[in-house]
Amino acid sequence: MAKKKFDTNPLDPTFPDRIREAETAALPKQDHETREFAPPSITEEQTRRFENQEFNNYQSPFSGQNVPANFRTAKLGEINDSKSRKVSKIGLPENILTALPYIPFYVGLIAGLIVLLLVPKSETKARFHAAQGLAAHIGIFIVTAILGIADNFVPFASSASNIFQIVTMVMLIIFAVKAFQGKPIHIEAVDDLTEWLEEKIKPQN
């Protein structure tokens, strides 16, 4: 017996007839009226234009009007503990040790050398100012020596040397005062020498 087109289920002999009927069957025609969706209900307020004052308030919401009455900014002097902090192995306040290397007349040179020899590596602030003060004194000494030699060959070199010594003395006094107050000091001209001195002069145990 030849196999028919849709005879794929031998257990259901009516399966091919049902498939043909389904192919030729047409859906019943139904008339339905087209309806439009109902308009959305108004749930939001009408958009309005901001006034200038309102716009500025939104642009910068923190205008200072909500600052508490007892609010105040912290001052650097209040958070500086260099006056009360003792440097290990010496026992002196940190602000004194950071100011000593800037004292003029080569007093700072000796003080900076002593601090570098006694203060441990963990005291980075005290050692930095000691190295920087020592480097500043060395630089001043070199420039003064050069001007002294030039005085034999160049007119007015002696006057230039005197002016240089006065200016550097004033600067060292200012640096010493700032270091005593715990303020940062950076002498960019002696950066390399400062780093070299701090690294090479190690504390003696």
N, C-alpha and C. Protein backbone atom coordinates (compact mmCIF):
# COMPACT_ATOMS: atom_id res chain seq x y z
N MET A 1 0.85 -1.19 0.00
CA MET A 1 0.00 0.00 0.00
C MET A 1 0.88 1.23 0.00
N ALA A 2 0.58 2.11 -0.96
CA ALA A 2 1.39 3.33 -1.10
C ALA A 2 1.15 4.26 0.07
N LYS A 3 2.22 4.98 0.48
CA LYS A 3 2.14 5.93 1.60
C LYS A 3 1.55 7.21 1.12
N LYS A 4 0.55 7.67 1.82
CA LYS A 4 -0.08 8.93 1.45
C LYS A 4 0.74 10.11 1.94
N LYS A 5 0.33 11.32 1.51
CA LYS A 5 1.10 12.54 1.75
C LYS A 5 1.30 12.82 3.23
N PHE A 6 0.22 12.80 4.01
CA PHE A 6 0.30 13.17 5.43
C PHE A 6 0.20 11.96 6.34
N ASP A 7 0.46 10.81 5.79
CA ASP A 7 0.35 9.60 6.59
C ASP A 7 1.62 9.42 7.41
N THR A 8 1.74 10.20 8.48
CA THR A 8 2.93 10.13 9.32
C THR A 8 2.65 9.45 10.64
N ASN A 9 1.37 9.20 10.96
CA ASN A 9 1.00 8.56 12.21
C ASN A 9 0.18 7.31 11.90
N PRO A 10 0.80 6.16 11.82
CA PRO A 10 0.04 4.94 11.45
C PRO A 10 -0.96 4.53 12.51
N LEU A 11 -0.86 5.03 13.73
CA LEU A 11 -1.80 4.69 14.78
C LEU A 11 -3.08 5.50 14.68
N ASP A 12 -3.10 6.59 13.90
CA ASP A 12 -4.28 7.45 13.77
C ASP A 12 -4.62 7.58 12.29
N PRO A 13 -5.49 6.71 11.74
CA PRO A 13 -5.78 6.75 10.29
C PRO A 13 -6.53 8.00 9.87
N THR A 14 -7.14 8.74 10.79
CA THR A 14 -7.89 9.94 10.41
C THR A 14 -7.02 11.19 10.42
N PHE A 15 -5.74 11.05 10.78
CA PHE A 15 -4.85 12.22 10.89
C PHE A 15 -4.70 12.96 9.56
N PRO A 16 -4.49 12.27 8.39
CA PRO A 16 -4.35 13.01 7.12
C PRO A 16 -5.61 13.79 6.76
N ASP A 17 -6.79 13.22 7.02
CA ASP A 17 -8.03 13.93 6.68
C ASP A 17 -8.18 15.18 7.54
N ARG A 18 -7.82 15.11 8.79
CA ARG A 18 -7.96 16.29 9.65
C ARG A 18 -7.00 17.39 9.25
N ILE A 19 -5.83 17.02 8.75
CA ILE A 19 -4.87 18.03 8.30
C ILE A 19 -5.39 18.74 7.07
N ARG A 20 -5.98 17.97 6.11
CA ARG A 20 -6.50 18.60 4.90
C ARG A 20 -7.65 19.54 5.23
N GLU A 21 -8.50 19.15 6.15
CA GLU A 21 -9.62 20.01 6.54
C GLU A 21 -9.12 21.30 7.21
N ALA A 22 -8.06 21.16 7.97
CA ALA A 22 -7.53 22.36 8.64
C ALA A 22 -6.92 23.32 7.64
N GLU A 23 -6.33 22.79 6.54
CA GLU A 23 -5.73 23.65 5.53
C GLU A 23 -6.78 24.40 4.73
N THR A 24 -7.90 23.75 4.47
CA THR A 24 -8.93 24.37 3.62
C THR A 24 -9.95 25.14 4.42
N ALA A 25 -9.95 25.03 5.73
CA ALA A 25 -10.96 25.73 6.55
C ALA A 25 -10.64 27.21 6.60
N ALA A 26 -11.65 28.04 6.57
CA ALA A 26 -11.52 29.50 6.63
C ALA A 26 -12.10 29.99 7.94
N LEU A 27 -11.46 31.01 8.48
CA LEU A 27 -11.95 31.58 9.72
C LEU A 27 -13.28 32.27 9.49
N PRO A 28 -14.19 32.16 10.42
CA PRO A 28 -15.48 32.84 10.23
C PRO A 28 -15.31 34.35 10.25
N LYS A 29 -16.03 34.99 9.40
CA LYS A 29 -15.95 36.45 9.29
C LYS A 29 -16.75 37.09 10.41
N GLN A 30 -16.08 37.99 11.11
CA GLN A 30 -16.73 38.69 12.20
C GLN A 30 -16.56 40.19 12.01
N ASP A 31 -17.63 40.87 12.21
CA ASP A 31 -17.60 42.34 12.09
C ASP A 31 -17.41 42.95 13.45
N HIS A 32 -16.32 43.70 13.63
CA HIS A 32 -16.03 44.37 14.88
C HIS A 32 -15.83 45.85 14.61
N GLU A 33 -16.37 46.66 15.47
CA GLU A 33 -16.27 48.11 15.32
C GLU A 33 -14.95 48.60 15.93
N THR A 34 -14.25 49.48 15.19
CA THR A 34 -13.00 50.05 15.69
C THR A 34 -13.30 51.12 16.72
N ARG A 35 -12.63 50.99 17.87
CA ARG A 35 -12.83 51.97 18.94
C ARG A 35 -11.52 52.69 19.25
N GLU A 36 -11.58 53.96 19.59
CA GLU A 36 -10.40 54.75 19.96
C GLU A 36 -10.15 54.63 21.46
N PHE A 37 -8.87 54.75 21.80
CA PHE A 37 -8.51 54.73 23.21
C PHE A 37 -9.02 55.99 23.90
N ALA A 38 -9.39 55.84 25.15
CA ALA A 38 -9.84 57.00 25.91
C ALA A 38 -8.66 57.94 26.16
N PRO A 39 -8.88 59.24 26.14
CA PRO A 39 -7.79 60.20 26.37
C PRO A 39 -7.23 60.03 27.77
N PRO A 40 -5.90 60.22 27.95
CA PRO A 40 -5.30 60.04 29.29
C PRO A 40 -5.79 61.10 30.25
N SER A 41 -5.95 60.67 31.48
CA SER A 41 -6.38 61.62 32.50
C SER A 41 -5.22 62.51 32.92
N ILE A 42 -5.51 63.72 33.26
CA ILE A 42 -4.48 64.68 33.68
C ILE A 42 -4.14 64.43 35.14
N THR A 43 -2.91 63.97 35.37
CA THR A 43 -2.49 63.65 36.73
C THR A 43 -1.35 64.55 37.21
N GLU A 44 -0.74 65.33 36.31
CA GLU A 44 0.37 66.19 36.69
C GLU A 44 -0.06 67.64 36.64
N GLU A 45 0.63 68.45 37.46
CA GLU A 45 0.33 69.86 37.46
C GLU A 45 0.84 70.51 36.19
N GLN A 46 0.26 71.59 35.87
CA GLN A 46 0.66 72.30 34.66
C GLN A 46 2.07 72.86 34.84
N THR A 47 2.90 72.71 33.79
CA THR A 47 4.26 73.22 33.84
C THR A 47 4.26 74.73 33.93
N ARG A 48 5.09 75.24 34.86
CA ARG A 48 5.16 76.69 35.02
C ARG A 48 6.62 77.12 34.95
N ARG A 49 6.85 78.36 34.68
CA ARG A 49 8.19 78.90 34.53
C ARG A 49 8.73 79.34 35.89
N PHE A 50 9.98 78.98 36.16
CA PHE A 50 10.60 79.40 37.40
C PHE A 50 10.92 80.89 37.36
N GLU A 51 10.74 81.53 38.49
CA GLU A 51 11.22 82.89 38.62
C GLU A 51 12.75 82.87 38.82
N ASN A 52 13.39 84.02 38.64
CA ASN A 52 14.85 84.09 38.75
C ASN A 52 15.34 83.63 40.12
N GLN A 53 14.64 84.05 41.16
CA GLN A 53 15.05 83.68 42.51
C GLN A 53 14.96 82.18 42.71
N GLU A 54 13.86 81.58 42.25
CA GLU A 54 13.70 80.14 42.39
C GLU A 54 14.75 79.38 41.57
N PHE A 55 15.02 79.88 40.37
CA PHE A 55 16.02 79.23 39.52
C PHE A 55 17.39 79.25 40.17
N ASN A 56 17.76 80.38 40.74
CA ASN A 56 19.07 80.48 41.40
C ASN A 56 19.16 79.55 42.60
N ASN A 57 18.05 79.40 43.32
CA ASN A 57 18.05 78.51 44.47
C ASN A 57 18.32 77.07 44.06
N TYR A 58 17.74 76.67 42.90
CA TYR A 58 17.95 75.31 42.43
C TYR A 58 19.36 75.13 41.84
N GLN A 59 19.89 76.18 41.25
CA GLN A 59 21.23 76.09 40.69
C GLN A 59 22.29 75.92 41.78
N SER A 60 22.16 76.63 42.86
CA SER A 60 23.11 76.52 43.97
C SER A 60 22.34 76.30 45.26
N PRO A 61 21.97 75.05 45.53
CA PRO A 61 21.13 74.78 46.70
C PRO A 61 21.79 75.13 48.01
N PHE A 62 23.16 75.09 48.06
CA PHE A 62 23.83 75.45 49.31
C PHE A 62 24.32 76.87 49.19
N SER A 63 23.54 77.81 49.62
CA SER A 63 23.91 79.21 49.54
C SER A 63 24.28 79.79 50.89
N GLY A 64 24.39 78.95 51.89
CA GLY A 64 24.82 79.41 53.19
C GLY A 64 23.69 79.68 54.15
N GLN A 65 22.45 79.60 53.68
CA GLN A 65 21.35 79.95 54.57
C GLN A 65 21.08 78.88 55.61
N ASN A 66 21.59 77.65 55.37
CA ASN A 66 21.34 76.57 56.32
C ASN A 66 22.57 76.22 57.16
N VAL A 67 23.57 77.09 57.16
CA VAL A 67 24.77 76.82 57.95
C VAL A 67 24.45 76.95 59.42
N PRO A 68 24.81 75.98 60.23
CA PRO A 68 24.54 76.09 61.67
C PRO A 68 25.23 77.31 62.27
N ALA A 69 24.62 77.84 63.31
CA ALA A 69 25.14 79.06 63.91
C ALA A 69 26.50 78.84 64.55
N ASN A 70 26.76 77.62 65.03
CA ASN A 70 28.03 77.35 65.72
C ASN A 70 29.07 76.74 64.79
N PHE A 71 28.84 76.81 63.49
CA PHE A 71 29.79 76.22 62.53
C PHE A 71 30.96 77.17 62.34
N ARG A 72 32.19 76.60 62.31
CA ARG A 72 33.37 77.39 62.01
C ARG A 72 34.42 76.46 61.41
N THR A 73 35.22 77.00 60.52
CA THR A 73 36.26 76.21 59.88
C THR A 73 37.44 76.04 60.81
N ALA A 74 38.11 74.90 60.63
CA ALA A 74 39.29 74.62 61.48
C ALA A 74 40.48 75.38 60.95
N LYS A 75 41.27 75.93 61.84
CA LYS A 75 42.49 76.62 61.47
C LYS A 75 43.66 75.65 61.52
N LEU A 76 44.64 75.92 60.65
CA LEU A 76 45.79 75.02 60.61
C LEU A 76 46.53 75.02 61.93
N GLY A 77 46.54 76.16 62.60
CA GLY A 77 47.23 76.22 63.88
C GLY A 77 46.62 75.33 64.93
N GLU A 78 45.30 75.07 64.78
CA GLU A 78 44.61 74.26 65.76
C GLU A 78 44.91 72.78 65.61
N ILE A 79 45.23 72.36 64.37
CA ILE A 79 45.50 70.95 64.13
C ILE A 79 47.00 70.65 64.09
N ASN A 80 47.84 71.68 64.28
CA ASN A 80 49.27 71.48 64.28
C ASN A 80 49.72 71.05 65.67
N ASP A 81 50.32 69.87 65.75
CA ASP A 81 50.75 69.35 67.04
C ASP A 81 52.26 69.35 67.19
N SER A 82 52.96 70.11 66.34
CA SER A 82 54.41 70.11 66.40
C SER A 82 54.95 70.73 67.68
N LYS A 83 54.14 71.60 68.33
CA LYS A 83 54.62 72.22 69.57
C LYS A 83 54.55 71.26 70.74
N SER A 84 53.60 70.36 70.73
CA SER A 84 53.44 69.43 71.84
C SER A 84 54.09 68.08 71.59
N ARG A 85 54.38 67.77 70.35
CA ARG A 85 54.94 66.46 70.02
C ARG A 85 56.43 66.44 70.29
N LYS A 86 56.89 65.43 71.00
CA LYS A 86 58.30 65.26 71.32
C LYS A 86 58.96 64.35 70.28
N VAL A 87 60.13 64.74 69.83
CA VAL A 87 60.87 63.94 68.86
C VAL A 87 61.61 62.83 69.61
N SER A 88 61.47 61.63 69.10
CA SER A 88 62.08 60.49 69.76
C SER A 88 63.60 60.59 69.76
N LYS A 89 64.20 60.08 70.83
CA LYS A 89 65.64 59.99 71.07
C LYS A 89 66.26 61.33 71.47
N ILE A 90 65.52 62.44 71.32
CA ILE A 90 66.04 63.74 71.75
C ILE A 90 65.15 64.33 72.83
N GLY A 91 63.84 64.19 72.68
CA GLY A 91 62.92 64.65 73.70
C GLY A 91 62.51 66.10 73.58
N LEU A 92 63.02 66.83 72.59
CA LEU A 92 62.63 68.23 72.38
C LEU A 92 61.39 68.29 71.51
N PRO A 93 60.60 69.38 71.66
CA PRO A 93 59.42 69.53 70.78
C PRO A 93 59.83 69.60 69.31
N GLU A 94 58.98 69.10 68.46
CA GLU A 94 59.29 69.01 67.04
C GLU A 94 59.49 70.38 66.42
N ASN A 95 58.70 71.38 66.84
CA ASN A 95 58.82 72.70 66.22
C ASN A 95 60.17 73.35 66.52
N ILE A 96 60.77 73.06 67.67
CA ILE A 96 62.09 73.61 67.98
C ILE A 96 63.15 72.97 67.08
N LEU A 97 63.08 71.66 66.90
CA LEU A 97 64.07 70.98 66.07
C LEU A 97 63.95 71.36 64.60
N THR A 98 62.73 71.68 64.14
CA THR A 98 62.58 72.10 62.75
C THR A 98 63.01 73.55 62.54
N ALA A 99 63.02 74.36 63.59
CA ALA A 99 63.41 75.78 63.47
C ALA A 99 64.91 75.98 63.63
N LEU A 100 65.57 75.15 64.44
CA LEU A 100 66.99 75.34 64.72
C LEU A 100 67.87 75.36 63.46
N PRO A 101 67.64 74.49 62.46
CA PRO A 101 68.54 74.48 61.30
C PRO A 101 68.49 75.75 60.46
N TYR A 102 67.52 76.63 60.67
CA TYR A 102 67.41 77.85 59.87
C TYR A 102 67.99 79.08 60.58
N ILE A 103 68.50 78.91 61.78
CA ILE A 103 69.07 80.05 62.49
C ILE A 103 70.33 80.52 61.75
N PRO A 104 70.45 81.83 61.48
CA PRO A 104 71.60 82.32 60.70
C PRO A 104 72.91 82.28 61.47
N PHE A 105 73.98 82.82 60.82
CA PHE A 105 75.34 82.87 61.37
C PHE A 105 75.89 81.47 61.61
N TYR A 106 75.51 80.51 60.76
CA TYR A 106 76.02 79.16 60.76
C TYR A 106 75.68 78.38 62.03
N VAL A 107 74.87 78.97 62.89
CA VAL A 107 74.36 78.20 64.03
C VAL A 107 73.45 77.09 63.52
N GLY A 108 72.63 77.42 62.53
CA GLY A 108 71.75 76.43 61.94
C GLY A 108 72.49 75.32 61.24
N LEU A 109 73.66 75.64 60.68
CA LEU A 109 74.44 74.60 60.00
C LEU A 109 74.85 73.52 61.00
N ILE A 110 75.35 73.92 62.15
CA ILE A 110 75.76 72.95 63.18
C ILE A 110 74.54 72.22 63.74
N ALA A 111 73.44 72.97 63.96
CA ALA A 111 72.23 72.35 64.51
C ALA A 111 71.65 71.33 63.54
N GLY A 112 71.64 71.65 62.26
CA GLY A 112 71.13 70.71 61.27
C GLY A 112 71.95 69.45 61.20
N LEU A 113 73.27 69.59 61.29
CA LEU A 113 74.14 68.42 61.26
C LEU A 113 73.91 67.54 62.48
N ILE A 114 73.76 68.15 63.65
CA ILE A 114 73.53 67.38 64.87
C ILE A 114 72.20 66.64 64.81
N VAL A 115 71.16 67.31 64.30
CA VAL A 115 69.84 66.67 64.20
C VAL A 115 69.90 65.46 63.26
N LEU A 116 70.59 65.61 62.15
CA LEU A 116 70.70 64.49 61.21
C LEU A 116 71.48 63.32 61.82
N LEU A 117 72.41 63.61 62.69
CA LEU A 117 73.21 62.55 63.31
C LEU A 117 72.49 61.87 64.46
N LEU A 118 71.51 62.56 65.08
CA LEU A 118 70.86 62.00 66.26
C LEU A 118 69.43 61.50 66.01
N VAL A 119 68.70 62.19 65.15
CA VAL A 119 67.28 61.87 64.97
C VAL A 119 67.13 60.65 64.06
N PRO A 120 66.32 59.67 64.44
CA PRO A 120 66.14 58.47 63.61
C PRO A 120 65.40 58.77 62.31
N LYS A 121 65.48 57.84 61.39
CA LYS A 121 64.86 57.99 60.08
C LYS A 121 63.35 58.11 60.15
N SER A 122 62.75 57.58 61.21
CA SER A 122 61.29 57.64 61.33
C SER A 122 60.78 59.06 61.53
N GLU A 123 61.63 59.95 62.02
CA GLU A 123 61.25 61.36 62.22
C GLU A 123 61.52 62.12 60.93
N THR A 124 60.66 61.91 59.93
CA THR A 124 60.91 62.45 58.59
C THR A 124 60.85 63.97 58.55
N LYS A 125 59.93 64.56 59.30
CA LYS A 125 59.78 66.02 59.26
C LYS A 125 60.99 66.72 59.84
N ALA A 126 61.45 66.28 61.00
CA ALA A 126 62.61 66.90 61.64
C ALA A 126 63.86 66.70 60.78
N ARG A 127 64.02 65.54 60.20
CA ARG A 127 65.19 65.28 59.37
C ARG A 127 65.15 66.09 58.07
N PHE A 128 63.96 66.26 57.50
CA PHE A 128 63.86 67.05 56.27
C PHE A 128 64.29 68.50 56.52
N HIS A 129 63.77 69.11 57.59
CA HIS A 129 64.14 70.50 57.86
C HIS A 129 65.61 70.62 58.24
N ALA A 130 66.13 69.62 58.92
CA ALA A 130 67.56 69.65 59.25
C ALA A 130 68.40 69.60 57.99
N ALA A 131 68.05 68.72 57.07
CA ALA A 131 68.80 68.62 55.80
C ALA A 131 68.61 69.86 54.95
N GLN A 132 67.41 70.41 54.90
CA GLN A 132 67.16 71.59 54.09
C GLN A 132 67.87 72.82 54.67
N GLY A 133 67.84 72.98 56.00
CA GLY A 133 68.56 74.09 56.62
C GLY A 133 70.07 73.97 56.41
N LEU A 134 70.58 72.75 56.55
CA LEU A 134 72.01 72.52 56.32
C LEU A 134 72.38 72.82 54.88
N ALA A 135 71.53 72.39 53.93
CA ALA A 135 71.79 72.66 52.52
C ALA A 135 71.73 74.17 52.23
N ALA A 136 70.82 74.89 52.86
CA ALA A 136 70.74 76.34 52.66
C ALA A 136 72.00 77.03 53.15
N HIS A 137 72.50 76.62 54.31
CA HIS A 137 73.73 77.22 54.84
C HIS A 137 74.93 76.91 53.94
N ILE A 138 74.99 75.70 53.43
CA ILE A 138 76.09 75.34 52.52
C ILE A 138 76.02 76.18 51.26
N GLY A 139 74.80 76.36 50.71
CA GLY A 139 74.65 77.18 49.51
C GLY A 139 75.04 78.62 49.76
N ILE A 140 74.63 79.16 50.91
CA ILE A 140 75.00 80.55 51.25
C ILE A 140 76.52 80.67 51.39
N PHE A 141 77.15 79.70 52.02
CA PHE A 141 78.60 79.72 52.20
C PHE A 141 79.32 79.70 50.85
N ILE A 142 78.85 78.87 49.91
CA ILE A 142 79.49 78.77 48.59
C ILE A 142 79.36 80.08 47.82
N VAL A 143 78.14 80.67 47.81
CA VAL A 143 77.94 81.92 47.08
C VAL A 143 78.76 83.05 47.71
N THR A 144 78.82 83.10 49.03
CA THR A 144 79.61 84.13 49.71
C THR A 144 81.10 83.99 49.38
N ALA A 145 81.58 82.75 49.33
CA ALA A 145 82.98 82.53 48.99
C ALA A 145 83.27 82.96 47.55
N ILE A 146 82.34 82.66 46.65
CA ILE A 146 82.55 83.06 45.25
C ILE A 146 82.58 84.59 45.12
N LEU A 147 81.68 85.28 45.82
CA LEU A 147 81.67 86.74 45.77
C LEU A 147 82.93 87.33 46.41
N GLY A 148 83.44 86.65 47.45
CA GLY A 148 84.68 87.12 48.06
C GLY A 148 85.86 87.01 47.12
N ILE A 149 85.90 85.92 46.35
CA ILE A 149 86.98 85.77 45.37
C ILE A 149 86.81 86.77 44.23
N ALA A 150 85.55 86.97 43.81
CA ALA A 150 85.30 87.92 42.72
C ALA A 150 85.60 89.35 43.10
N ASP A 151 85.67 89.64 44.41
CA ASP A 151 85.96 91.00 44.86
C ASP A 151 87.35 91.45 44.42
N ASN A 152 88.24 90.50 44.18
CA ASN A 152 89.59 90.85 43.74
C ASN A 152 89.65 91.22 42.27
N PHE A 153 88.59 90.88 41.52
CA PHE A 153 88.64 91.11 40.08
C PHE A 153 87.48 91.98 39.58
N VAL A 154 86.34 91.94 40.26
CA VAL A 154 85.13 92.63 39.79
C VAL A 154 84.80 93.76 40.76
N PRO A 155 84.60 94.98 40.25
CA PRO A 155 84.20 96.07 41.13
C PRO A 155 82.81 95.82 41.72
N PHE A 156 82.57 96.36 42.88
CA PHE A 156 81.29 96.26 43.59
C PHE A 156 80.96 94.83 44.03
N ALA A 157 81.86 93.90 43.91
CA ALA A 157 81.58 92.53 44.37
C ALA A 157 81.45 92.49 45.88
N SER A 158 82.22 93.33 46.57
CA SER A 158 82.13 93.37 48.02
C SER A 158 80.75 93.86 48.47
N SER A 159 80.23 94.89 47.80
CA SER A 159 78.89 95.39 48.13
C SER A 159 77.83 94.33 47.85
N ALA A 160 78.00 93.60 46.74
CA ALA A 160 77.05 92.53 46.41
C ALA A 160 77.09 91.43 47.46
N SER A 161 78.28 91.14 47.96
CA SER A 161 78.41 90.12 49.00
C SER A 161 77.71 90.55 50.29
N ASN A 162 77.86 91.82 50.66
CA ASN A 162 77.21 92.31 51.86
C ASN A 162 75.68 92.28 51.74
N ILE A 163 75.19 92.69 50.57
CA ILE A 163 73.74 92.67 50.34
C ILE A 163 73.22 91.24 50.38
N PHE A 164 73.96 90.32 49.78
CA PHE A 164 73.56 88.91 49.76
C PHE A 164 73.48 88.35 51.18
N GLN A 165 74.46 88.67 52.02
CA GLN A 165 74.46 88.17 53.38
C GLN A 165 73.28 88.73 54.19
N ILE A 166 72.96 89.99 53.97
CA ILE A 166 71.82 90.59 54.69
C ILE A 166 70.51 89.93 54.26
N VAL A 167 70.34 89.75 52.94
CA VAL A 167 69.10 89.15 52.42
C VAL A 167 68.95 87.72 52.92
N THR A 168 70.01 86.94 52.84
CA THR A 168 69.92 85.54 53.27
C THR A 168 69.69 85.44 54.78
N MET A 169 70.26 86.37 55.55
CA MET A 169 70.04 86.35 57.00
C MET A 169 68.56 86.59 57.31
N VAL A 170 67.96 87.56 56.62
CA VAL A 170 66.53 87.85 56.83
C VAL A 170 65.69 86.64 56.42
N MET A 171 66.04 86.04 55.31
CA MET A 171 65.28 84.87 54.85
C MET A 171 65.38 83.71 55.84
N LEU A 172 66.57 83.49 56.38
CA LEU A 172 66.74 82.39 57.35
C LEU A 172 65.93 82.65 58.61
N ILE A 173 65.87 83.90 59.04
CA ILE A 173 65.07 84.23 60.22
C ILE A 173 63.58 83.97 59.94
N ILE A 174 63.12 84.34 58.75
CA ILE A 174 61.72 84.09 58.38
C ILE A 174 61.45 82.58 58.35
N PHE A 175 62.38 81.82 57.78
CA PHE A 175 62.20 80.37 57.72
C PHE A 175 62.16 79.77 59.13
N ALA A 176 63.01 80.26 60.02
CA ALA A 176 63.03 79.73 61.38
C ALA A 176 61.71 80.01 62.09
N VAL A 177 61.17 81.21 61.91
CA VAL A 177 59.89 81.55 62.54
C VAL A 177 58.77 80.69 61.98
N LYS A 178 58.73 80.51 60.66
CA LYS A 178 57.69 79.69 60.05
C LYS A 178 57.79 78.24 60.50
N ALA A 179 59.02 77.72 60.57
CA ALA A 179 59.19 76.34 61.03
C ALA A 179 58.75 76.19 62.48
N PHE A 180 59.04 77.20 63.31
CA PHE A 180 58.63 77.15 64.71
C PHE A 180 57.10 77.14 64.83
N GLN A 181 56.42 77.83 63.91
CA GLN A 181 54.96 77.86 63.91
C GLN A 181 54.34 76.63 63.27
N GLY A 182 55.16 75.74 62.71
CA GLY A 182 54.65 74.53 62.09
C GLY A 182 54.22 74.71 60.65
N LYS A 183 54.59 75.81 60.01
CA LYS A 183 54.20 76.06 58.63
C LYS A 183 55.19 75.38 57.68
N PRO A 184 54.73 74.99 56.49
CA PRO A 184 55.62 74.30 55.54
C PRO A 184 56.65 75.26 54.94
N ILE A 185 57.85 74.75 54.70
CA ILE A 185 58.94 75.51 54.09
C ILE A 185 59.55 74.64 53.00
N HIS A 186 59.73 75.24 51.83
CA HIS A 186 60.33 74.51 50.72
C HIS A 186 61.28 75.44 49.98
N ILE A 187 62.58 75.09 50.00
CA ILE A 187 63.60 75.86 49.27
C ILE A 187 63.97 75.04 48.04
N GLU A 188 63.34 75.37 46.93
CA GLU A 188 63.49 74.56 45.72
C GLU A 188 64.93 74.55 45.20
N ALA A 189 65.68 75.62 45.42
CA ALA A 189 67.04 75.72 44.87
C ALA A 189 67.98 74.68 45.47
N VAL A 190 67.67 74.17 46.64
CA VAL A 190 68.57 73.20 47.29
C VAL A 190 67.90 71.83 47.43
N ASP A 191 66.93 71.53 46.58
CA ASP A 191 66.22 70.25 46.67
C ASP A 191 67.17 69.06 46.56
N ASP A 192 68.03 69.07 45.54
CA ASP A 192 68.92 67.93 45.32
C ASP A 192 69.90 67.76 46.48
N LEU A 193 70.47 68.87 46.96
CA LEU A 193 71.41 68.79 48.07
C LEU A 193 70.70 68.35 49.36
N THR A 194 69.48 68.81 49.56
CA THR A 194 68.70 68.39 50.73
C THR A 194 68.49 66.88 50.73
N GLU A 195 68.08 66.36 49.59
CA GLU A 195 67.84 64.91 49.50
C GLU A 195 69.13 64.13 49.71
N TRP A 196 70.22 64.63 49.16
CA TRP A 196 71.50 63.93 49.29
C TRP A 196 71.97 63.92 50.74
N LEU A 197 71.86 65.05 51.42
CA LEU A 197 72.29 65.14 52.81
C LEU A 197 71.45 64.24 53.72
N GLU A 198 70.14 64.24 53.50
CA GLU A 198 69.25 63.43 54.34
C GLU A 198 69.54 61.94 54.17
N GLU A 199 69.93 61.57 52.95
CA GLU A 199 70.20 60.15 52.68
C GLU A 199 71.58 59.73 53.17
N LYS A 200 72.56 60.60 53.00
CA LYS A 200 73.94 60.22 53.31
C LYS A 200 74.27 60.34 54.80
N ILE A 201 73.72 61.35 55.48
CA ILE A 201 74.01 61.53 56.90
C ILE A 201 73.01 60.70 57.69
N LYS A 202 73.45 59.56 58.14
CA LYS A 202 72.56 58.63 58.84
C LYS A 202 72.70 58.78 60.35
N PRO A 203 71.64 58.50 61.08
CA PRO A 203 71.70 58.64 62.55
C PRO A 203 72.68 57.65 63.14
N GLN A 204 73.40 58.13 64.15
CA GLN A 204 74.38 57.28 64.83
C GLN A 204 73.72 56.60 66.02
N ASN A 205 73.75 55.30 66.06
CA ASN A 205 73.14 54.54 67.14
C ASN A 205 74.08 54.49 68.35
